[in-house]
Amino acid sequence: MKKKQMLICCTKKRREEFERKEKPCKKEVEAKQLGPTVQSREMKPETLRSTPNQDFHNQEEMKDLMGENCILKTSIAVLRQEICTMKNDNLEKESKYRKDIKIVKDINAALEKSIKLNEEMIIKTAFQYQQELSDLKTENTRLNSKPLKEKESKERLQAEIESYQSRLSAAVSKHGESMKTERNLRLPLERTQDVSLQVKMSSDTSKVEDKNEFLTQQRSKRQIKFNTLKDKFHKTRDTLRKNSLSSETVQNYLSQTQQQIKEMKEMYQNAEAKVSKSTGKWNCVEERICQLQGENPWLEQQLDDVHQKDNHREIVINSQE
């Protein structure tokens, strides 16, 4: 629609220019047509003078012809002056149009250079952003896999702690049974008075004491192992807390990474906006070229060549975008 309006505008301006150029030509033709009339009327009074027997009406006609001759000469002089003025105006306009075309060519060259630089900058920036985006995606994948590994490690440590707690409970239960057996053995020893029985009980007591000592040692070992497991449990809990803090740090880093990706997308959009702005300037130059093309048909072919080059360049830019 825009190109159609521009074409109509150019056609209208060409018609006006043609009519403006046609006007001095008509006046020049009119002056040429008036020339023979003036000459014939200049010759007619001489013919009238050569016949001395003309009456009063012929003298009046001669006066009228001389007056018309003066008027025609004046009209011819005015027409020639107007033709000269129009020629001078056309020369000035032609000089002005040449200057305008030179300015347009300079603007065209500057815009071509600017567009080329913008294309190179955009290609370089896009490649850099793609590389950074690929690195960020790789880092994001690595950070996402890290919490899974930490979760698996936490579950494994929790299973080990539960296993140690189960073993500790079994050891405490076994120790309680041994203490109960010891009490059951001491009660018959206190009640009986028989020496042989006491000897036997003494032997049994010795065995029980040995067994009790063994159990006490086992209990100490179990207690040491329990304390070790307890310390390990506390360390594991602290490690899990640190891992939780590390997970929060990872989440913060992921948020920062997403923010950086968002900023990169905004920078890329700003670069595209700059390209659109350059394209808008280029459209203004095209309108100016069309205006100059309509004002002076003499420059039509040259401006058409420039216009075709610009359209080709714009198609290349759009295909690259």
C-alpha atoms as a PDB file:
ATOM      1  CA  MET A   1       0.000   0.000   0.000  1.00  0.00           C
ATOM      2  CA  LYS A   2       2.836   2.355   0.845  1.00  0.00           C
ATOM      3  CA  LYS A   3       4.623   1.645  -2.444  1.00  0.00           C
ATOM      4  CA  LYS A   4       1.371   2.250  -4.359  1.00  0.00           C
ATOM      5  CA  GLN A   5       0.953   5.679  -2.729  1.00  0.00           C
ATOM      6  CA  MET A   6       4.575   6.521  -3.506  1.00  0.00           C
ATOM      7  CA  LEU A   7       4.026   5.507  -7.158  1.00  0.00           C
ATOM      8  CA  ILE A   8       0.902   7.718  -7.405  1.00  0.00           C
ATOM      9  CA  CYS A   9       2.827  10.631  -5.862  1.00  0.00           C
ATOM     10  CA  CYS A  10       5.702  10.168  -8.327  1.00  0.00           C
ATOM     11  CA  THR A  11       3.285  10.006 -11.298  1.00  0.00           C
ATOM     12  CA  LYS A  12       1.528  13.189 -10.192  1.00  0.00           C
ATOM     13  CA  LYS A  13       4.804  15.065  -9.796  1.00  0.00           C
ATOM     14  CA  ARG A  14       6.005  13.873 -13.185  1.00  0.00           C
ATOM     15  CA  ARG A  15       2.791  15.167 -14.796  1.00  0.00           C
ATOM     16  CA  GLU A  16       3.231  18.564 -13.098  1.00  0.00           C
ATOM     17  CA  GLU A  17       6.858  18.731 -14.217  1.00  0.00           C
ATOM     18  CA  PHE A  18       5.840  17.861 -17.769  1.00  0.00           C
ATOM     19  CA  GLU A  19       3.157  20.570 -17.783  1.00  0.00           C
ATOM     20  CA  ARG A  20       5.644  23.071 -16.353  1.00  0.00           C
ATOM     21  CA  LYS A  21       8.151  22.251 -19.092  1.00  0.00           C
ATOM     22  CA  GLU A  22       5.429  22.190 -21.751  1.00  0.00           C
ATOM     23  CA  LYS A  23       4.312  25.742 -20.896  1.00  0.00           C
ATOM     24  CA  PRO A  24       7.497  27.541 -22.144  1.00  0.00           C
ATOM     25  CA  CYS A  25       7.439  25.349 -25.253  1.00  0.00           C
ATOM     26  CA  LYS A  26       3.862  26.456 -26.005  1.00  0.00           C
ATOM     27  CA  LYS A  27       4.836  30.081 -25.508  1.00  0.00           C
ATOM     28  CA  GLU A  28       7.835  29.663 -27.768  1.00  0.00           C
ATOM     29  CA  VAL A  29       5.626  28.086 -30.459  1.00  0.00           C
ATOM     30  CA  GLU A  30       3.132  30.901 -29.998  1.00  0.00           C
ATOM     31  CA  ALA A  31       5.925  33.467 -30.433  1.00  0.00           C
ATOM     32  CA  LYS A  32       7.080  31.721 -33.591  1.00  0.00           C
ATOM     33  CA  GLN A  33       3.516  31.690 -34.900  1.00  0.00           C
ATOM     34  CA  LEU A  34       3.147  35.404 -34.171  1.00  0.00           C
ATOM     35  CA  GLY A  35       6.359  36.221 -36.091  1.00  0.00           C
ATOM     36  CA  PRO A  36       4.948  35.748 -39.619  1.00  0.00           C
ATOM     37  CA  THR A  37       1.792  37.617 -38.637  1.00  0.00           C
ATOM     38  CA  VAL A  38       3.874  40.599 -37.515  1.00  0.00           C
ATOM     39  CA  GLN A  39       5.969  40.478 -40.656  1.00  0.00           C
ATOM     40  CA  SER A  40       2.883  40.290 -42.885  1.00  0.00           C
ATOM     41  CA  ARG A  41       1.337  43.215 -41.045  1.00  0.00           C
ATOM     42  CA  GLU A  42       4.585  45.182 -41.292  1.00  0.00           C
ATOM     43  CA  MET A  43       4.561  44.612 -45.031  1.00  0.00           C
ATOM     44  CA  LYS A  44       0.861  45.515 -45.437  1.00  0.00           C
ATOM     45  CA  PRO A  45       1.273  49.256 -44.581  1.00  0.00           C
ATOM     46  CA  GLU A  46       4.001  49.526 -47.198  1.00  0.00           C
ATOM     47  CA  THR A  47       1.582  48.064 -49.752  1.00  0.00           C
ATOM     48  CA  LEU A  48      -1.029  50.546 -48.680  1.00  0.00           C
ATOM     49  CA  ARG A  49       1.433  53.413 -49.017  1.00  0.00           C
ATOM     50  CA  SER A  50       2.379  52.279 -52.556  1.00  0.00           C
ATOM     51  CA  THR A  51      -1.217  52.960 -53.754  1.00  0.00           C
ATOM     52  CA  PRO A  52      -1.836  56.691 -53.486  1.00  0.00           C
ATOM     53  CA  ASN A  53      -5.483  56.450 -54.540  1.00  0.00           C
ATOM     54  CA  GLN A  54      -6.662  54.670 -51.345  1.00  0.00           C
ATOM     55  CA  ASP A  55      -9.542  56.234 -49.546  1.00  0.00           C
ATOM     56  CA  PHE A  56     -10.021  57.175 -45.923  1.00  0.00           C
ATOM     57  CA  HIS A  57     -10.939  53.607 -44.900  1.00  0.00           C
ATOM     58  CA  ASN A  58      -7.606  52.257 -46.026  1.00  0.00           C
ATOM     59  CA  GLN A  59      -5.800  54.803 -43.868  1.00  0.00           C
ATOM     60  CA  GLU A  60      -7.803  53.749 -40.828  1.00  0.00           C
ATOM     61  CA  GLU A  61      -7.012  50.115 -41.526  1.00  0.00           C
ATOM     62  CA  MET A  62      -3.313  50.960 -41.748  1.00  0.00           C
ATOM     63  CA  LYS A  63      -3.416  52.673 -38.358  1.00  0.00           C
ATOM     64  CA  ASP A  64      -5.148  49.638 -36.847  1.00  0.00           C
ATOM     65  CA  LEU A  65      -2.573  47.300 -38.317  1.00  0.00           C
ATOM     66  CA  MET A  66       0.295  49.385 -36.960  1.00  0.00           C
ATOM     67  CA  GLY A  67      -1.276  49.368 -33.489  1.00  0.00           C
ATOM     68  CA  GLU A  68      -1.763  45.609 -33.585  1.00  0.00           C
ATOM     69  CA  ASN A  69       1.816  45.262 -34.804  1.00  0.00           C
ATOM     70  CA  CYS A  70       3.117  47.132 -31.756  1.00  0.00           C
ATOM     71  CA  ILE A  71       0.983  44.987 -29.446  1.00  0.00           C
ATOM     72  CA  LEU A  72       2.257  41.775 -31.061  1.00  0.00           C
ATOM     73  CA  LYS A  73       5.880  42.922 -30.774  1.00  0.00           C
ATOM     74  CA  THR A  74       5.316  43.666 -27.104  1.00  0.00           C
ATOM     75  CA  SER A  75       3.726  40.207 -26.592  1.00  0.00           C
ATOM     76  CA  ILE A  76       6.641  38.536 -28.362  1.00  0.00           C
ATOM     77  CA  ALA A  77       9.150  40.391 -26.169  1.00  0.00           C
ATOM     78  CA  VAL A  78       7.230  39.373 -23.024  1.00  0.00           C
ATOM     79  CA  LEU A  79       7.042  35.754 -24.185  1.00  0.00           C
ATOM     80  CA  ARG A  80      10.769  35.689 -24.926  1.00  0.00           C
ATOM     81  CA  GLN A  81      11.498  37.141 -21.488  1.00  0.00           C
ATOM     82  CA  GLU A  82       9.305  34.492 -19.859  1.00  0.00           C
ATOM     83  CA  ILE A  83      11.027  31.755 -21.871  1.00  0.00           C
ATOM     84  CA  CYS A  84      14.453  33.035 -20.780  1.00  0.00           C
ATOM     85  CA  THR A  85      13.304  33.193 -17.150  1.00  0.00           C
ATOM     86  CA  MET A  86      11.929  29.641 -17.301  1.00  0.00           C
ATOM     87  CA  LYS A  87      15.146  28.348 -18.857  1.00  0.00           C
ATOM     88  CA  ASN A  88      17.164  29.963 -16.065  1.00  0.00           C
ATOM     89  CA  ASP A  89      14.808  28.457 -13.462  1.00  0.00           C
ATOM     90  CA  ASN A  90      15.192  25.034 -15.051  1.00  0.00           C
ATOM     91  CA  LEU A  91      18.979  25.360 -14.998  1.00  0.00           C
ATOM     92  CA  GLU A  92      18.910  26.329 -11.310  1.00  0.00           C
ATOM     93  CA  LYS A  93      16.589  23.427 -10.497  1.00  0.00           C
ATOM     94  CA  GLU A  94      18.777  21.039 -12.454  1.00  0.00           C
ATOM     95  CA  SER A  95      21.831  22.211 -10.493  1.00  0.00           C
ATOM     96  CA  LYS A  96      19.900  21.842  -7.241  1.00  0.00           C
ATOM     97  CA  TYR A  97      18.768  18.326  -8.181  1.00  0.00           C
ATOM     98  CA  ARG A  98      22.327  17.325  -8.965  1.00  0.00           C
ATOM     99  CA  LYS A  99      23.420  18.539  -5.550  1.00  0.00           C
ATOM    100  CA  ASP A 100      20.524  16.674  -3.916  1.00  0.00           C
ATOM    101  CA  ILE A 101      21.455  13.484  -5.760  1.00  0.00           C
ATOM    102  CA  LYS A 102      25.050  13.821  -4.615  1.00  0.00           C
ATOM    103  CA  ILE A 103      23.846  14.261  -1.022  1.00  0.00           C
ATOM    104  CA  VAL A 104      21.593  11.210  -1.389  1.00  0.00           C
ATOM    105  CA  LYS A 105      24.513   9.195  -2.745  1.00  0.00           C
ATOM    106  CA  ASP A 106      26.654  10.221   0.246  1.00  0.00           C
ATOM    107  CA  ILE A 107      23.828   9.314   2.634  1.00  0.00           C
ATOM    108  CA  ASN A 108      23.367   6.022   0.791  1.00  0.00           C
ATOM    109  CA  ALA A 109      27.073   5.168   1.115  1.00  0.00           C
ATOM    110  CA  ALA A 110      27.067   6.102   4.815  1.00  0.00           C
ATOM    111  CA  LEU A 111      23.963   3.997   5.460  1.00  0.00           C
ATOM    112  CA  GLU A 112      25.426   1.059   3.556  1.00  0.00           C
ATOM    113  CA  LYS A 113      28.549   1.250   5.693  1.00  0.00           C
ATOM    114  CA  SER A 114      26.493   1.586   8.888  1.00  0.00           C
ATOM    115  CA  ILE A 115      24.260  -1.364   7.955  1.00  0.00           C
ATOM    116  CA  LYS A 116      27.297  -3.493   7.152  1.00  0.00           C
ATOM    117  CA  LEU A 117      28.896  -2.647  10.506  1.00  0.00           C
ATOM    118  CA  ASN A 118      25.602  -3.352  12.298  1.00  0.00           C
ATOM    119  CA  GLU A 119      25.301  -6.709  10.534  1.00  0.00           C
ATOM    120  CA  GLU A 120      28.833  -7.700  11.552  1.00  0.00           C
ATOM    121  CA  MET A 121      28.257  -6.547  15.128  1.00  0.00           C
ATOM    122  CA  ILE A 122      24.931  -8.410  15.378  1.00  0.00           C
ATOM    123  CA  ILE A 123      26.419 -11.620  13.958  1.00  0.00           C
ATOM    124  CA  LYS A 124      29.345 -11.408  16.373  1.00  0.00           C
ATOM    125  CA  THR A 125      27.088 -10.615  19.347  1.00  0.00           C
ATOM    126  CA  ALA A 126      24.643 -13.401  18.455  1.00  0.00           C
ATOM    127  CA  PHE A 127      27.474 -15.940  18.205  1.00  0.00           C
ATOM    128  CA  GLN A 128      28.846 -14.798  21.570  1.00  0.00           C
ATOM    129  CA  TYR A 129      25.412 -15.014  23.194  1.00  0.00           C
ATOM    130  CA  GLN A 130      24.841 -18.482  21.759  1.00  0.00           C
ATOM    131  CA  GLN A 131      28.177 -19.647  23.155  1.00  0.00           C
ATOM    132  CA  GLU A 132      27.428 -18.163  26.580  1.00  0.00           C
ATOM    133  CA  LEU A 133      23.936 -19.653  26.537  1.00  0.00           C
ATOM    134  CA  SER A 134      25.367 -23.093  25.723  1.00  0.00           C
ATOM    135  CA  ASP A 135      27.854 -22.771  28.610  1.00  0.00           C
ATOM    136  CA  LEU A 136      25.075 -21.712  30.972  1.00  0.00           C
ATOM    137  CA  LYS A 137      22.914 -24.654  29.919  1.00  0.00           C
ATOM    138  CA  THR A 138      25.808 -27.043  30.581  1.00  0.00           C
ATOM    139  CA  GLU A 139      26.429 -25.457  33.991  1.00  0.00           C
ATOM    140  CA  ASN A 140      22.715 -25.590  34.777  1.00  0.00           C
ATOM    141  CA  THR A 141      22.593 -29.310  33.942  1.00  0.00           C
ATOM    142  CA  ARG A 142      25.606 -29.955  36.163  1.00  0.00           C
ATOM    143  CA  LEU A 143      24.107 -28.002  39.071  1.00  0.00           C
ATOM    144  CA  ASN A 144      20.771 -29.786  38.694  1.00  0.00           C
ATOM    145  CA  SER A 145      22.488 -33.187  38.897  1.00  0.00           C
ATOM    146  CA  LYS A 146      24.448 -32.176  42.024  1.00  0.00           C
ATOM    147  CA  PRO A 147      21.402 -32.001  44.390  1.00  0.00           C
ATOM    148  CA  LEU A 148      20.382 -35.506  43.240  1.00  0.00           C
ATOM    149  CA  LYS A 149      23.789 -36.872  44.194  1.00  0.00           C
ATOM    150  CA  GLU A 150      23.613 -35.083  47.549  1.00  0.00           C
ATOM    151  CA  LYS A 151      20.146 -36.541  48.157  1.00  0.00           C
ATOM    152  CA  GLU A 152      21.400 -40.067  47.408  1.00  0.00           C
ATOM    153  CA  SER A 153      24.371 -39.564  49.761  1.00  0.00           C
ATOM    154  CA  LYS A 154      22.033 -38.290  52.482  1.00  0.00           C
ATOM    155  CA  GLU A 155      19.746 -41.326  52.121  1.00  0.00           C
ATOM    156  CA  ARG A 156      22.737 -43.688  52.263  1.00  0.00           C
ATOM    157  CA  LEU A 157      24.064 -42.054  55.466  1.00  0.00           C
ATOM    158  CA  GLN A 158      20.594 -42.160  57.005  1.00  0.00           C
ATOM    159  CA  ALA A 159      20.394 -45.912  56.276  1.00  0.00           C
ATOM    160  CA  GLU A 160      23.815 -46.461  57.890  1.00  0.00           C
ATOM    161  CA  ILE A 161      22.744 -44.496  60.988  1.00  0.00           C
ATOM    162  CA  GLU A 162      19.560 -46.547  61.306  1.00  0.00           C
ATOM    163  CA  SER A 163      21.603 -49.762  60.967  1.00  0.00           C
ATOM    164  CA  TYR A 164      24.006 -48.635  63.712  1.00  0.00           C
ATOM    165  CA  GLN A 165      21.110 -47.655  65.967  1.00  0.00           C
ATOM    166  CA  SER A 166      19.549 -51.108  65.460  1.00  0.00           C
ATOM    167  CA  ARG A 167      22.835 -52.822  66.339  1.00  0.00           C
ATOM    168  CA  LEU A 168      23.237 -50.620  69.406  1.00  0.00           C
ATOM    169  CA  SER A 169      19.715 -51.471  70.593  1.00  0.00           C
ATOM    170  CA  ALA A 170      20.472 -55.191  70.180  1.00  0.00           C
ATOM    171  CA  ALA A 171      23.710 -54.820  72.184  1.00  0.00           C
ATOM    172  CA  VAL A 172      21.908 -52.946  75.007  1.00  0.00           C
ATOM    173  CA  SER A 173      19.207 -55.642  75.111  1.00  0.00           C
ATOM    174  CA  LYS A 174      21.830 -58.394  75.277  1.00  0.00           C
ATOM    175  CA  HIS A 175      23.624 -56.583  78.107  1.00  0.00           C
ATOM    176  CA  GLY A 176      20.340 -56.296  80.035  1.00  0.00           C
ATOM    177  CA  GLU A 177      19.781 -60.034  79.677  1.00  0.00           C
ATOM    178  CA  SER A 178      23.297 -60.777  81.004  1.00  0.00           C
ATOM    179  CA  MET A 179      22.686 -58.529  84.030  1.00  0.00           C
ATOM    180  CA  LYS A 180      19.425 -60.308  84.703  1.00  0.00           C
ATOM    181  CA  THR A 181      21.213 -63.695  84.499  1.00  0.00           C
ATOM    182  CA  GLU A 182      23.814 -62.435  86.976  1.00  0.00           C
ATOM    183  CA  ARG A 183      21.141 -61.393  89.470  1.00  0.00           C
ATOM    184  CA  ASN A 184      19.416 -64.732  89.092  1.00  0.00           C
ATOM    185  CA  LEU A 185      22.709 -66.518  89.860  1.00  0.00           C
ATOM    186  CA  ARG A 186      23.494 -64.402  92.934  1.00  0.00           C
ATOM    187  CA  LEU A 187      20.153 -65.063  94.626  1.00  0.00           C
ATOM    188  CA  PRO A 188      20.672 -68.860  95.006  1.00  0.00           C
ATOM    189  CA  LEU A 189      24.221 -68.237  96.227  1.00  0.00           C
ATOM    190  CA  GLU A 190      23.010 -66.061  99.117  1.00  0.00           C
ATOM    191  CA  ARG A 191      20.262 -68.433 100.117  1.00  0.00           C
ATOM    192  CA  THR A 192      22.187 -71.732 100.227  1.00  0.00           C
ATOM    193  CA  GLN A 193      24.569 -72.674 103.147  1.00  0.00           C
ATOM    194  CA  ASP A 194      25.969 -75.788 101.726  1.00  0.00           C
ATOM    195  CA  VAL A 195      29.747 -75.567 101.319  1.00  0.00           C
ATOM    196  CA  SER A 196      29.906 -77.816  98.352  1.00  0.00           C
ATOM    197  CA  LEU A 197      27.104 -75.886  96.893  1.00  0.00           C
ATOM    198  CA  GLN A 198      28.930 -72.674  97.763  1.00  0.00           C
ATOM    199  CA  VAL A 199      32.069 -74.012  96.116  1.00  0.00           C
ATOM    200  CA  LYS A 200      30.078 -74.938  93.115  1.00  0.00           C
ATOM    201  CA  MET A 201      28.297 -71.641  93.217  1.00  0.00           C
ATOM    202  CA  SER A 202      31.624 -69.913  93.714  1.00  0.00           C
ATOM    203  CA  SER A 203      32.865 -71.626  90.622  1.00  0.00           C
ATOM    204  CA  ASP A 204      29.702 -70.663  88.822  1.00  0.00           C
ATOM    205  CA  THR A 205      29.995 -67.158  90.222  1.00  0.00           C
ATOM    206  CA  SER A 206      33.559 -66.948  89.013  1.00  0.00           C
ATOM    207  CA  LYS A 207      32.413 -68.017  85.627  1.00  0.00           C
ATOM    208  CA  VAL A 208      29.566 -65.566  85.816  1.00  0.00           C
ATOM    209  CA  GLU A 209      31.934 -62.808  86.933  1.00  0.00           C
ATOM    210  CA  ASP A 210      34.264 -63.682  84.094  1.00  0.00           C
ATOM    211  CA  LYS A 211      31.351 -63.643  81.785  1.00  0.00           C
ATOM    212  CA  ASN A 212      30.144 -60.401  83.379  1.00  0.00           C
ATOM    213  CA  GLU A 213      33.589 -58.891  82.952  1.00  0.00           C
ATOM    214  CA  PHE A 214      33.579 -60.012  79.358  1.00  0.00           C
ATOM    215  CA  LEU A 215      30.134 -58.522  78.937  1.00  0.00           C
ATOM    216  CA  THR A 216      31.318 -55.342  80.670  1.00  0.00           C
ATOM    217  CA  GLN A 217      34.184 -55.118  78.207  1.00  0.00           C
ATOM    218  CA  GLN A 218      31.776 -55.754  75.396  1.00  0.00           C
ATOM    219  CA  ARG A 219      29.542 -53.086  76.850  1.00  0.00           C
ATOM    220  CA  SER A 220      32.459 -50.634  76.962  1.00  0.00           C
ATOM    221  CA  LYS A 221      33.312 -51.467  73.378  1.00  0.00           C
ATOM    222  CA  ARG A 222      29.670 -51.094  72.443  1.00  0.00           C
ATOM    223  CA  GLN A 223      29.560 -47.795  74.306  1.00  0.00           C
ATOM    224  CA  ILE A 224      32.683 -46.577  72.489  1.00  0.00           C
ATOM    225  CA  LYS A 225      31.201 -47.707  69.207  1.00  0.00           C
ATOM    226  CA  PHE A 226      27.939 -46.024  70.170  1.00  0.00           C
ATOM    227  CA  ASN A 227      29.767 -42.784  70.958  1.00  0.00           C
ATOM    228  CA  THR A 228      31.626 -43.089  67.651  1.00  0.00           C
ATOM    229  CA  LEU A 229      28.368 -43.611  65.817  1.00  0.00           C
ATOM    230  CA  LYS A 230      26.876 -40.712  67.726  1.00  0.00           C
ATOM    231  CA  ASP A 231      29.749 -38.443  66.703  1.00  0.00           C
ATOM    232  CA  LYS A 232      29.445 -39.681  63.147  1.00  0.00           C
ATOM    233  CA  PHE A 233      25.719 -39.011  63.299  1.00  0.00           C
ATOM    234  CA  HIS A 234      26.326 -35.437  64.482  1.00  0.00           C
ATOM    235  CA  LYS A 235      28.946 -34.929  61.784  1.00  0.00           C
ATOM    236  CA  THR A 236      26.575 -36.352  59.195  1.00  0.00           C
ATOM    237  CA  ARG A 237      23.831 -34.055  60.411  1.00  0.00           C
ATOM    238  CA  ASP A 238      26.175 -31.064  60.188  1.00  0.00           C
ATOM    239  CA  THR A 239      27.209 -32.204  56.711  1.00  0.00           C
ATOM    240  CA  LEU A 240      23.573 -32.454  55.698  1.00  0.00           C
ATOM    241  CA  ARG A 241      22.958 -28.961  57.034  1.00  0.00           C
ATOM    242  CA  LYS A 242      25.923 -27.687  55.035  1.00  0.00           C
ATOM    243  CA  ASN A 243      24.608 -29.533  51.996  1.00  0.00           C
ATOM    244  CA  SER A 244      21.248 -27.873  52.564  1.00  0.00           C
ATOM    245  CA  LEU A 245      22.979 -24.493  52.650  1.00  0.00           C
ATOM    246  CA  SER A 246      24.920 -25.524  49.549  1.00  0.00           C
ATOM    247  CA  SER A 247      21.622 -26.394  47.865  1.00  0.00           C
ATOM    248  CA  GLU A 248      20.328 -22.921  48.715  1.00  0.00           C
ATOM    249  CA  THR A 249      23.537 -21.483  47.249  1.00  0.00           C
ATOM    250  CA  VAL A 250      22.987 -23.565  44.130  1.00  0.00           C
ATOM    251  CA  GLN A 251      19.413 -22.268  43.889  1.00  0.00           C
ATOM    252  CA  ASN A 252      20.677 -18.684  44.214  1.00  0.00           C
ATOM    253  CA  TYR A 253      23.255 -19.365  41.514  1.00  0.00           C
ATOM    254  CA  LEU A 254      20.553 -20.827  39.276  1.00  0.00           C
ATOM    255  CA  SER A 255      18.432 -17.709  39.836  1.00  0.00           C
ATOM    256  CA  GLN A 256      21.395 -15.517  38.923  1.00  0.00           C
ATOM    257  CA  THR A 257      22.002 -17.660  35.828  1.00  0.00           C
ATOM    258  CA  GLN A 258      18.382 -17.276  34.736  1.00  0.00           C
ATOM    259  CA  GLN A 259      18.649 -13.504  35.308  1.00  0.00           C
ATOM    260  CA  GLN A 260      21.783 -13.409  33.133  1.00  0.00           C
ATOM    261  CA  ILE A 261      19.955 -15.343  30.397  1.00  0.00           C
ATOM    262  CA  LYS A 262      17.099 -12.839  30.612  1.00  0.00           C
ATOM    263  CA  GLU A 263      19.549  -9.904  30.361  1.00  0.00           C
ATOM    264  CA  MET A 264      21.208 -11.505  27.335  1.00  0.00           C
ATOM    265  CA  LYS A 265      17.831 -11.888  25.634  1.00  0.00           C
ATOM    266  CA  GLU A 266      17.086  -8.197  26.341  1.00  0.00           C
ATOM    267  CA  MET A 267      20.466  -7.181  24.879  1.00  0.00           C
ATOM    268  CA  TYR A 268      19.731  -9.255  21.765  1.00  0.00           C
ATOM    269  CA  GLN A 269      16.304  -7.577  21.438  1.00  0.00           C
ATOM    270  CA  ASN A 270      17.976  -4.141  21.772  1.00  0.00           C
ATOM    271  CA  ALA A 271      20.360  -5.096  18.957  1.00  0.00           C
ATOM    272  CA  GLU A 272      17.377  -6.095  16.796  1.00  0.00           C
ATOM    273  CA  ALA A 273      15.700  -2.744  17.634  1.00  0.00           C
ATOM    274  CA  LYS A 274      18.821  -0.909  16.409  1.00  0.00           C
ATOM    275  CA  VAL A 275      18.626  -2.832  13.132  1.00  0.00           C
ATOM    276  CA  SER A 276      14.914  -1.911  12.810  1.00  0.00           C
ATOM    277  CA  LYS A 277      15.812   1.745  13.436  1.00  0.00           C
ATOM    278  CA  SER A 278      18.440   1.635  10.678  1.00  0.00           C
ATOM    279  CA  THR A 279      15.837   0.088   8.353  1.00  0.00           C
ATOM    280  CA  GLY A 280      13.447   2.982   9.204  1.00  0.00           C
ATOM    281  CA  LYS A 281      16.110   5.533   8.252  1.00  0.00           C
ATOM    282  CA  TRP A 282      16.650   3.646   5.041  1.00  0.00           C
ATOM    283  CA  ASN A 283      12.906   3.883   4.219  1.00  0.00           C
ATOM    284  CA  CYS A 284      13.083   7.697   4.710  1.00  0.00           C
ATOM    285  CA  VAL A 285      15.956   7.840   2.239  1.00  0.00           C
ATOM    286  CA  GLU A 286      13.894   5.808  -0.243  1.00  0.00           C
ATOM    287  CA  GLU A 287      11.015   8.304   0.063  1.00  0.00           C
ATOM    288  CA  ARG A 288      13.408  11.207  -0.567  1.00  0.00           C
ATOM    289  CA  ILE A 289      14.796   9.415  -3.630  1.00  0.00           C
ATOM    290  CA  CYS A 290      11.262   8.884  -4.953  1.00  0.00           C
ATOM    291  CA  GLN A 291      10.492  12.600  -4.418  1.00  0.00           C
ATOM    292  CA  LEU A 292      13.594  13.673  -6.356  1.00  0.00           C
ATOM    293  CA  GLN A 293      12.755  11.153  -9.042  1.00  0.00           C
ATOM    294  CA  GLY A 294       9.296  12.716  -9.462  1.00  0.00           C
ATOM    295  CA  GLU A 295      10.635  16.289  -9.534  1.00  0.00           C
ATOM    296  CA  ASN A 296      13.143  15.750 -12.346  1.00  0.00           C
ATOM    297  CA  PRO A 297      12.516  13.016 -14.983  1.00  0.00           C
ATOM    298  CA  TRP A 298      15.998  13.605 -16.323  1.00  0.00           C
ATOM    299  CA  LEU A 299      17.380  11.774 -13.250  1.00  0.00           C
ATOM    300  CA  GLU A 300      14.854   8.928 -13.344  1.00  0.00           C
ATOM    301  CA  GLN A 301      17.138   6.183 -14.652  1.00  0.00           C
ATOM    302  CA  GLN A 302      19.919   6.886 -12.166  1.00  0.00           C
ATOM    303  CA  LEU A 303      17.562   7.015  -9.193  1.00  0.00           C
ATOM    304  CA  ASP A 304      15.840   3.787 -10.334  1.00  0.00           C
ATOM    305  CA  ASP A 305      19.228   2.029 -10.256  1.00  0.00           C
ATOM    306  CA  VAL A 306      19.871   3.279  -6.710  1.00  0.00           C
ATOM    307  CA  HIS A 307      16.366   2.218  -5.662  1.00  0.00           C
ATOM    308  CA  GLN A 308      16.856  -1.301  -7.041  1.00  0.00           C
ATOM    309  CA  LYS A 309      20.172  -1.649  -5.199  1.00  0.00           C
ATOM    310  CA  ASP A 310      18.523  -0.501  -1.959  1.00  0.00           C
ATOM    311  CA  ASN A 311      15.657  -2.997  -2.346  1.00  0.00           C
ATOM    312  CA  HIS A 312      18.130  -5.816  -2.956  1.00  0.00           C
ATOM    313  CA  ARG A 313      20.128  -4.813   0.138  1.00  0.00           C
ATOM    314  CA  GLU A 314      16.970  -4.655   2.260  1.00  0.00           C
ATOM    315  CA  ILE A 315      15.956  -8.162   1.104  1.00  0.00           C
ATOM    316  CA  VAL A 316      19.421  -9.459   2.053  1.00  0.00           C
ATOM    317  CA  ILE A 317      19.149  -7.820   5.508  1.00  0.00           C
ATOM    318  CA  ASN A 318      15.667  -9.280   6.087  1.00  0.00           C
ATOM    319  CA  SER A 319      16.843 -12.756   5.035  1.00  0.00           C
ATOM    320  CA  GLN A 320      19.782 -12.527   7.452  1.00  0.00           C
ATOM    321  CA  GLU A 321      17.479 -11.465  10.280  1.00  0.00           C
END
